Amino acid sequence: MSAIDFSDPATIAFLADALTAAGVDGLEISRPGGQLRIIVAGERGARISSTEATPPAPGFTSAVVKAPMAGRFCLDHPASAVPQKLPRSVSDADIVGFVRVGHILLPLRAGRSGVLTRLLAEPGALVGFGDPLFEIELPS
C-alpha cells in the first residue's frame, strides 16, 4: 500500500468532501513531517487549519508567513472588491491571504503583529507546504 500524498490539493479536497458527506466532525493526521487537520464546520463546510507565521531567528526583525499546505495562493478573497496594498500594518490575528484547495479557501493569519512588507509568492501560483508567502517586519 502506498502512502497518501497530503501535499496534493486534490487529495485534501477529496478528504474534505468525503468528511462533509459522511457527517464526520473532523480529521487530524500527524506524522513526523507535519500535521493535517480538517474540521467540518456545519453549514459553512470544511475548514483546514492554518499555521501561524514562523518566529524570527535570533537577531532578525522579520517573520515569514508560510503556506500551511499545497494549493493556489490568493492574495485577496475572491469576493473582495478592494485589492490589498503593501506595506500595511497587521495584527497577529489579521487574515493576510488565502490558500485555495478546490472550492475551499484556507485563511492565512499574520501570526505576528507588525508591517506586512513583502509578497514572496505570486498571486495564483501553486504553492506547497512551507513555501514562504509574506514577510512581516516586526516592531523593535
N, C-alpha and C. Protein backbone atom coordinates (compact mmCIF):
# COMPACT_ATOMS: atom_id res chain seq x y z
N MET A 1 0.85 -1.18 0.00
CA MET A 1 0.00 0.00 0.00
C MET A 1 0.89 1.24 0.00
N SER A 2 0.60 2.18 -0.88
CA SER A 2 1.39 3.40 -0.95
C SER A 2 0.84 4.45 0.02
N ALA A 3 1.71 5.36 0.44
CA ALA A 3 1.31 6.41 1.37
C ALA A 3 0.48 7.47 0.65
N ILE A 4 -0.45 8.06 1.37
CA ILE A 4 -1.29 9.13 0.82
C ILE A 4 -0.46 10.40 0.77
N ASP A 5 -0.53 11.12 -0.35
CA ASP A 5 0.21 12.37 -0.53
C ASP A 5 -0.64 13.52 0.01
N PHE A 6 -0.37 13.95 1.24
CA PHE A 6 -1.15 15.01 1.86
C PHE A 6 -0.75 16.40 1.36
N SER A 7 0.23 16.50 0.48
CA SER A 7 0.57 17.80 -0.10
C SER A 7 -0.18 18.03 -1.41
N ASP A 8 -0.94 17.05 -1.87
CA ASP A 8 -1.70 17.16 -3.12
C ASP A 8 -3.05 17.83 -2.85
N PRO A 9 -3.30 19.00 -3.48
CA PRO A 9 -4.57 19.70 -3.25
C PRO A 9 -5.80 18.84 -3.58
N ALA A 10 -5.72 17.99 -4.59
CA ALA A 10 -6.86 17.14 -4.95
C ALA A 10 -7.17 16.15 -3.83
N THR A 11 -6.14 15.63 -3.18
CA THR A 11 -6.34 14.70 -2.06
C THR A 11 -7.03 15.40 -0.90
N ILE A 12 -6.58 16.62 -0.58
CA ILE A 12 -7.17 17.39 0.53
C ILE A 12 -8.63 17.71 0.22
N ALA A 13 -8.91 18.14 -1.01
CA ALA A 13 -10.29 18.46 -1.39
C ALA A 13 -11.17 17.21 -1.32
N PHE A 14 -10.65 16.07 -1.76
CA PHE A 14 -11.39 14.81 -1.69
C PHE A 14 -11.70 14.46 -0.24
N LEU A 15 -10.71 14.57 0.64
CA LEU A 15 -10.92 14.25 2.06
C LEU A 15 -11.96 15.18 2.68
N ALA A 16 -11.88 16.48 2.39
CA ALA A 16 -12.84 17.44 2.94
C ALA A 16 -14.25 17.11 2.46
N ASP A 17 -14.41 16.80 1.18
CA ASP A 17 -15.73 16.45 0.65
C ASP A 17 -16.25 15.16 1.27
N ALA A 18 -15.37 14.16 1.42
CA ALA A 18 -15.78 12.88 2.00
C ALA A 18 -16.22 13.03 3.45
N LEU A 19 -15.49 13.85 4.22
CA LEU A 19 -15.86 14.09 5.62
C LEU A 19 -17.21 14.78 5.71
N THR A 20 -17.42 15.79 4.86
CA THR A 20 -18.68 16.51 4.85
C THR A 20 -19.84 15.58 4.51
N ALA A 21 -19.66 14.77 3.46
CA ALA A 21 -20.71 13.84 3.03
C ALA A 21 -21.01 12.79 4.09
N ALA A 22 -19.99 12.37 4.84
CA ALA A 22 -20.17 11.33 5.86
C ALA A 22 -20.68 11.87 7.18
N GLY A 23 -20.74 13.19 7.31
CA GLY A 23 -21.21 13.78 8.56
C GLY A 23 -20.19 13.71 9.68
N VAL A 24 -18.91 13.55 9.33
CA VAL A 24 -17.84 13.47 10.33
C VAL A 24 -17.44 14.89 10.73
N ASP A 25 -17.18 15.10 12.03
CA ASP A 25 -16.84 16.42 12.53
C ASP A 25 -15.45 16.89 12.12
N GLY A 26 -14.54 15.95 11.91
CA GLY A 26 -13.19 16.37 11.54
C GLY A 26 -12.23 15.20 11.50
N LEU A 27 -11.01 15.53 11.13
CA LEU A 27 -9.95 14.55 10.97
C LEU A 27 -8.64 15.23 11.28
N GLU A 28 -7.78 14.56 12.01
CA GLU A 28 -6.44 15.07 12.28
C GLU A 28 -5.45 13.97 12.02
N ILE A 29 -4.45 14.28 11.22
CA ILE A 29 -3.40 13.31 10.88
C ILE A 29 -2.07 13.95 11.22
N SER A 30 -1.30 13.29 12.06
CA SER A 30 0.03 13.78 12.42
C SER A 30 1.06 12.75 12.00
N ARG A 31 2.15 13.25 11.44
CA ARG A 31 3.28 12.40 11.11
C ARG A 31 4.54 13.23 11.26
N PRO A 32 5.70 12.61 11.22
CA PRO A 32 6.93 13.36 11.50
C PRO A 32 7.13 14.62 10.66
N GLY A 33 6.68 14.63 9.40
CA GLY A 33 6.90 15.77 8.52
C GLY A 33 5.87 16.88 8.64
N GLY A 34 4.83 16.70 9.43
CA GLY A 34 3.82 17.74 9.54
C GLY A 34 2.50 17.22 10.05
N GLN A 35 1.52 18.10 10.05
CA GLN A 35 0.20 17.78 10.59
C GLN A 35 -0.87 18.32 9.66
N LEU A 36 -1.93 17.56 9.48
CA LEU A 36 -3.07 17.98 8.68
C LEU A 36 -4.30 17.89 9.57
N ARG A 37 -5.07 18.98 9.62
CA ARG A 37 -6.30 18.98 10.40
C ARG A 37 -7.41 19.56 9.54
N ILE A 38 -8.49 18.78 9.37
CA ILE A 38 -9.66 19.23 8.63
C ILE A 38 -10.82 19.21 9.61
N ILE A 39 -11.49 20.35 9.77
CA ILE A 39 -12.62 20.45 10.69
C ILE A 39 -13.85 20.80 9.86
N VAL A 40 -14.90 19.99 10.00
CA VAL A 40 -16.14 20.26 9.29
C VAL A 40 -16.98 21.16 10.19
N ALA A 41 -17.32 22.33 9.68
CA ALA A 41 -17.99 23.35 10.49
C ALA A 41 -19.44 23.54 10.06
N GLY A 42 -20.24 22.50 10.09
CA GLY A 42 -21.67 22.59 9.80
C GLY A 42 -21.96 23.10 8.41
N GLU A 43 -22.84 24.07 8.31
CA GLU A 43 -23.27 24.59 7.02
C GLU A 43 -22.18 25.35 6.29
N ARG A 44 -21.17 25.81 6.99
CA ARG A 44 -20.09 26.55 6.35
C ARG A 44 -19.15 25.63 5.60
N GLY A 45 -19.27 24.33 5.79
CA GLY A 45 -18.42 23.38 5.09
C GLY A 45 -17.14 23.09 5.85
N ALA A 46 -16.18 22.51 5.17
CA ALA A 46 -14.93 22.09 5.80
C ALA A 46 -13.98 23.26 5.94
N ARG A 47 -13.17 23.21 6.99
CA ARG A 47 -12.14 24.21 7.22
C ARG A 47 -10.85 23.46 7.50
N ILE A 48 -9.77 23.91 6.93
CA ILE A 48 -8.48 23.26 7.13
C ILE A 48 -7.64 24.21 7.95
N SER A 49 -7.02 23.69 9.02
CA SER A 49 -6.32 24.58 9.94
C SER A 49 -5.12 25.22 9.27
N SER A 50 -4.82 26.44 9.73
CA SER A 50 -3.66 27.15 9.19
C SER A 50 -2.57 27.21 10.25
N THR A 51 -1.36 27.44 9.79
CA THR A 51 -0.25 27.62 10.70
C THR A 51 0.05 29.10 10.79
N GLU A 52 0.65 29.51 11.89
CA GLU A 52 0.97 30.92 12.07
C GLU A 52 2.32 31.23 11.44
N ALA A 53 2.66 32.49 11.43
CA ALA A 53 3.95 32.90 10.90
C ALA A 53 5.06 32.25 11.71
N THR A 54 6.14 31.92 11.05
CA THR A 54 7.27 31.34 11.77
C THR A 54 7.95 32.44 12.56
N PRO A 55 8.40 32.12 13.78
CA PRO A 55 9.06 33.15 14.57
C PRO A 55 10.38 33.54 13.93
N PRO A 56 10.81 34.76 14.14
CA PRO A 56 12.07 35.18 13.54
C PRO A 56 13.25 34.48 14.20
N ALA A 57 14.31 34.31 13.45
CA ALA A 57 15.54 33.76 14.00
C ALA A 57 16.15 34.82 14.91
N PRO A 58 16.93 34.42 15.91
CA PRO A 58 17.55 35.40 16.79
C PRO A 58 18.33 36.45 16.01
N GLY A 59 18.14 37.71 16.35
CA GLY A 59 18.83 38.79 15.67
C GLY A 59 18.10 39.36 14.47
N PHE A 60 17.02 38.72 14.02
CA PHE A 60 16.26 39.20 12.88
C PHE A 60 15.04 39.97 13.36
N THR A 61 14.58 40.92 12.56
CA THR A 61 13.42 41.71 12.92
C THR A 61 12.27 41.49 11.96
N SER A 62 12.19 40.29 11.38
CA SER A 62 11.08 39.98 10.49
C SER A 62 10.68 38.53 10.68
N ALA A 63 9.46 38.22 10.26
CA ALA A 63 8.93 36.86 10.30
C ALA A 63 8.35 36.56 8.93
N VAL A 64 8.21 35.28 8.62
CA VAL A 64 7.69 34.87 7.32
C VAL A 64 6.41 34.07 7.53
N VAL A 65 5.35 34.42 6.79
CA VAL A 65 4.12 33.64 6.78
C VAL A 65 4.31 32.59 5.69
N LYS A 66 4.16 31.31 6.09
CA LYS A 66 4.37 30.21 5.15
C LYS A 66 3.06 29.50 4.83
N ALA A 67 3.03 28.85 3.69
CA ALA A 67 1.84 28.09 3.28
C ALA A 67 1.68 26.88 4.20
N PRO A 68 0.49 26.70 4.79
CA PRO A 68 0.26 25.57 5.67
C PRO A 68 0.01 24.27 4.91
N MET A 69 -0.21 24.37 3.61
CA MET A 69 -0.45 23.20 2.77
C MET A 69 -0.35 23.62 1.31
N ALA A 70 -0.41 22.65 0.42
CA ALA A 70 -0.35 22.93 -1.01
C ALA A 70 -1.68 23.46 -1.50
N GLY A 71 -1.64 24.34 -2.46
CA GLY A 71 -2.84 24.90 -3.07
C GLY A 71 -2.49 26.12 -3.89
N ARG A 72 -3.49 26.86 -4.32
CA ARG A 72 -3.29 28.10 -5.09
C ARG A 72 -3.28 29.27 -4.12
N PHE A 73 -2.26 30.09 -4.22
CA PHE A 73 -2.13 31.25 -3.35
C PHE A 73 -3.03 32.37 -3.85
N CYS A 74 -3.85 32.90 -2.95
CA CYS A 74 -4.75 34.03 -3.27
C CYS A 74 -4.42 35.16 -2.31
N LEU A 75 -4.06 36.29 -2.85
CA LEU A 75 -3.77 37.46 -2.02
C LEU A 75 -5.06 38.04 -1.44
N ASP A 76 -6.11 38.06 -2.27
CA ASP A 76 -7.38 38.64 -1.86
C ASP A 76 -8.48 37.59 -1.89
N HIS A 77 -9.52 37.81 -1.10
CA HIS A 77 -10.71 36.95 -1.15
C HIS A 77 -11.37 37.17 -2.51
N PRO A 78 -11.85 36.10 -3.16
CA PRO A 78 -12.47 36.26 -4.48
C PRO A 78 -13.64 37.24 -4.51
N ALA A 79 -14.34 37.41 -3.39
CA ALA A 79 -15.49 38.32 -3.35
C ALA A 79 -15.09 39.76 -3.01
N SER A 80 -13.81 39.99 -2.72
CA SER A 80 -13.36 41.31 -2.33
C SER A 80 -13.22 42.22 -3.55
N ALA A 81 -13.73 43.44 -3.41
CA ALA A 81 -13.64 44.41 -4.50
C ALA A 81 -12.40 45.29 -4.36
N VAL A 82 -11.78 45.30 -3.18
CA VAL A 82 -10.64 46.16 -2.91
C VAL A 82 -9.38 45.30 -2.74
N PRO A 83 -8.41 45.43 -3.64
CA PRO A 83 -7.18 44.65 -3.52
C PRO A 83 -6.31 45.15 -2.36
N GLN A 84 -5.55 44.23 -1.76
CA GLN A 84 -4.64 44.59 -0.68
C GLN A 84 -3.45 45.35 -1.24
N LYS A 85 -2.96 46.29 -0.46
CA LYS A 85 -1.77 47.05 -0.84
C LYS A 85 -0.71 46.85 0.23
N LEU A 86 0.53 46.77 -0.20
CA LEU A 86 1.66 46.64 0.72
C LEU A 86 2.52 47.88 0.62
N PRO A 87 3.16 48.30 1.67
CA PRO A 87 3.13 47.74 3.01
C PRO A 87 1.87 48.17 3.75
N ARG A 88 1.51 47.36 4.78
CA ARG A 88 0.37 47.71 5.63
C ARG A 88 0.55 47.06 7.00
N SER A 89 0.01 47.71 8.02
CA SER A 89 0.10 47.19 9.38
C SER A 89 -0.86 46.03 9.55
N VAL A 90 -0.42 45.01 10.31
CA VAL A 90 -1.25 43.85 10.60
C VAL A 90 -1.10 43.47 12.06
N SER A 91 -2.16 42.89 12.61
CA SER A 91 -2.08 42.30 13.95
C SER A 91 -1.91 40.80 13.78
N ASP A 92 -1.60 40.11 14.86
CA ASP A 92 -1.35 38.67 14.77
C ASP A 92 -2.55 37.88 14.27
N ALA A 93 -3.78 38.39 14.46
CA ALA A 93 -4.98 37.66 14.06
C ALA A 93 -5.51 38.05 12.67
N ASP A 94 -4.90 39.05 12.04
CA ASP A 94 -5.38 39.51 10.73
C ASP A 94 -5.20 38.43 9.66
N ILE A 95 -6.18 38.34 8.77
CA ILE A 95 -6.08 37.45 7.62
C ILE A 95 -5.37 38.22 6.52
N VAL A 96 -4.24 37.67 6.04
CA VAL A 96 -3.42 38.38 5.06
C VAL A 96 -3.50 37.77 3.66
N GLY A 97 -4.16 36.64 3.52
CA GLY A 97 -4.31 35.99 2.23
C GLY A 97 -5.01 34.65 2.41
N PHE A 98 -5.00 33.85 1.34
CA PHE A 98 -5.69 32.55 1.36
C PHE A 98 -4.92 31.53 0.54
N VAL A 99 -5.10 30.26 0.87
CA VAL A 99 -4.67 29.17 0.02
C VAL A 99 -5.95 28.46 -0.41
N ARG A 100 -6.14 28.32 -1.72
CA ARG A 100 -7.35 27.69 -2.25
C ARG A 100 -7.04 26.25 -2.63
N VAL A 101 -7.87 25.34 -2.10
CA VAL A 101 -7.80 23.92 -2.44
C VAL A 101 -9.20 23.54 -2.92
N GLY A 102 -9.35 23.34 -4.22
CA GLY A 102 -10.68 23.07 -4.76
C GLY A 102 -11.57 24.26 -4.49
N HIS A 103 -12.69 24.02 -3.83
CA HIS A 103 -13.62 25.11 -3.51
C HIS A 103 -13.43 25.64 -2.09
N ILE A 104 -12.41 25.18 -1.40
CA ILE A 104 -12.14 25.60 -0.02
C ILE A 104 -11.07 26.68 0.00
N LEU A 105 -11.34 27.77 0.73
CA LEU A 105 -10.35 28.83 0.95
C LEU A 105 -9.83 28.72 2.37
N LEU A 106 -8.55 28.53 2.51
CA LEU A 106 -7.90 28.45 3.82
C LEU A 106 -7.34 29.83 4.15
N PRO A 107 -7.86 30.51 5.18
CA PRO A 107 -7.34 31.83 5.52
C PRO A 107 -5.94 31.74 6.11
N LEU A 108 -5.11 32.69 5.75
CA LEU A 108 -3.74 32.77 6.27
C LEU A 108 -3.68 33.93 7.25
N ARG A 109 -3.40 33.64 8.49
CA ARG A 109 -3.30 34.68 9.51
C ARG A 109 -1.86 35.16 9.60
N ALA A 110 -1.72 36.43 9.94
CA ALA A 110 -0.38 37.02 10.05
C ALA A 110 0.45 36.27 11.09
N GLY A 111 -0.15 35.95 12.23
CA GLY A 111 0.58 35.22 13.27
C GLY A 111 1.49 36.10 14.11
N ARG A 112 1.81 37.29 13.64
CA ARG A 112 2.65 38.26 14.35
C ARG A 112 2.12 39.65 14.03
N SER A 113 2.27 40.55 14.95
CA SER A 113 1.91 41.95 14.70
C SER A 113 3.12 42.66 14.11
N GLY A 114 2.87 43.51 13.15
CA GLY A 114 3.95 44.26 12.52
C GLY A 114 3.48 44.88 11.23
N VAL A 115 4.39 45.03 10.29
CA VAL A 115 4.08 45.61 8.99
C VAL A 115 4.32 44.55 7.92
N LEU A 116 3.28 44.25 7.18
CA LEU A 116 3.37 43.31 6.06
C LEU A 116 4.11 44.06 4.95
N THR A 117 5.35 43.65 4.68
CA THR A 117 6.20 44.45 3.79
C THR A 117 6.41 43.84 2.41
N ARG A 118 6.52 42.52 2.34
CA ARG A 118 6.87 41.91 1.05
C ARG A 118 5.99 40.72 0.73
N LEU A 119 5.65 40.62 -0.52
CA LEU A 119 4.95 39.47 -1.06
C LEU A 119 6.02 38.53 -1.60
N LEU A 120 6.06 37.28 -1.13
CA LEU A 120 7.10 36.34 -1.52
C LEU A 120 6.63 35.28 -2.52
N ALA A 121 5.35 35.31 -2.87
CA ALA A 121 4.79 34.39 -3.87
C ALA A 121 3.83 35.18 -4.74
N GLU A 122 3.72 34.80 -5.98
CA GLU A 122 2.81 35.46 -6.91
C GLU A 122 1.37 35.01 -6.68
N PRO A 123 0.41 35.93 -6.65
CA PRO A 123 -1.00 35.53 -6.54
C PRO A 123 -1.37 34.58 -7.69
N GLY A 124 -2.08 33.51 -7.35
CA GLY A 124 -2.47 32.50 -8.32
C GLY A 124 -1.48 31.38 -8.49
N ALA A 125 -0.30 31.52 -7.88
CA ALA A 125 0.74 30.50 -8.01
C ALA A 125 0.38 29.25 -7.21
N LEU A 126 0.79 28.10 -7.70
CA LEU A 126 0.65 26.86 -6.95
C LEU A 126 1.77 26.84 -5.92
N VAL A 127 1.41 26.75 -4.64
CA VAL A 127 2.40 26.74 -3.57
C VAL A 127 2.34 25.41 -2.83
N GLY A 128 3.42 25.05 -2.21
CA GLY A 128 3.50 23.82 -1.44
C GLY A 128 3.61 24.10 0.04
N PHE A 129 3.49 23.06 0.84
CA PHE A 129 3.61 23.18 2.30
C PHE A 129 4.93 23.85 2.66
N GLY A 130 4.85 24.91 3.45
CA GLY A 130 6.05 25.59 3.93
C GLY A 130 6.62 26.64 3.01
N ASP A 131 6.04 26.82 1.83
CA ASP A 131 6.54 27.86 0.92
C ASP A 131 6.31 29.24 1.55
N PRO A 132 7.31 30.14 1.48
CA PRO A 132 7.13 31.49 2.03
C PRO A 132 6.17 32.30 1.17
N LEU A 133 5.24 33.02 1.84
CA LEU A 133 4.23 33.80 1.13
C LEU A 133 4.37 35.30 1.39
N PHE A 134 4.62 35.67 2.64
CA PHE A 134 4.73 37.07 3.04
C PHE A 134 5.88 37.25 4.00
N GLU A 135 6.38 38.49 4.07
CA GLU A 135 7.34 38.85 5.09
C GLU A 135 6.72 39.94 5.95
N ILE A 136 6.85 39.79 7.26
CA ILE A 136 6.31 40.76 8.22
C ILE A 136 7.49 41.38 8.97
N GLU A 137 7.57 42.69 8.91
CA GLU A 137 8.59 43.42 9.66
C GLU A 137 8.05 43.61 11.07
N LEU A 138 8.80 43.15 12.04
CA LEU A 138 8.35 43.19 13.44
C LEU A 138 8.78 44.48 14.12
N PRO A 139 7.96 44.95 15.08
CA PRO A 139 8.35 46.17 15.79
C PRO A 139 9.60 45.91 16.63
N SER A 140 10.43 46.92 16.77
CA SER A 140 11.67 46.77 17.54
C SER A 140 11.44 46.83 19.01
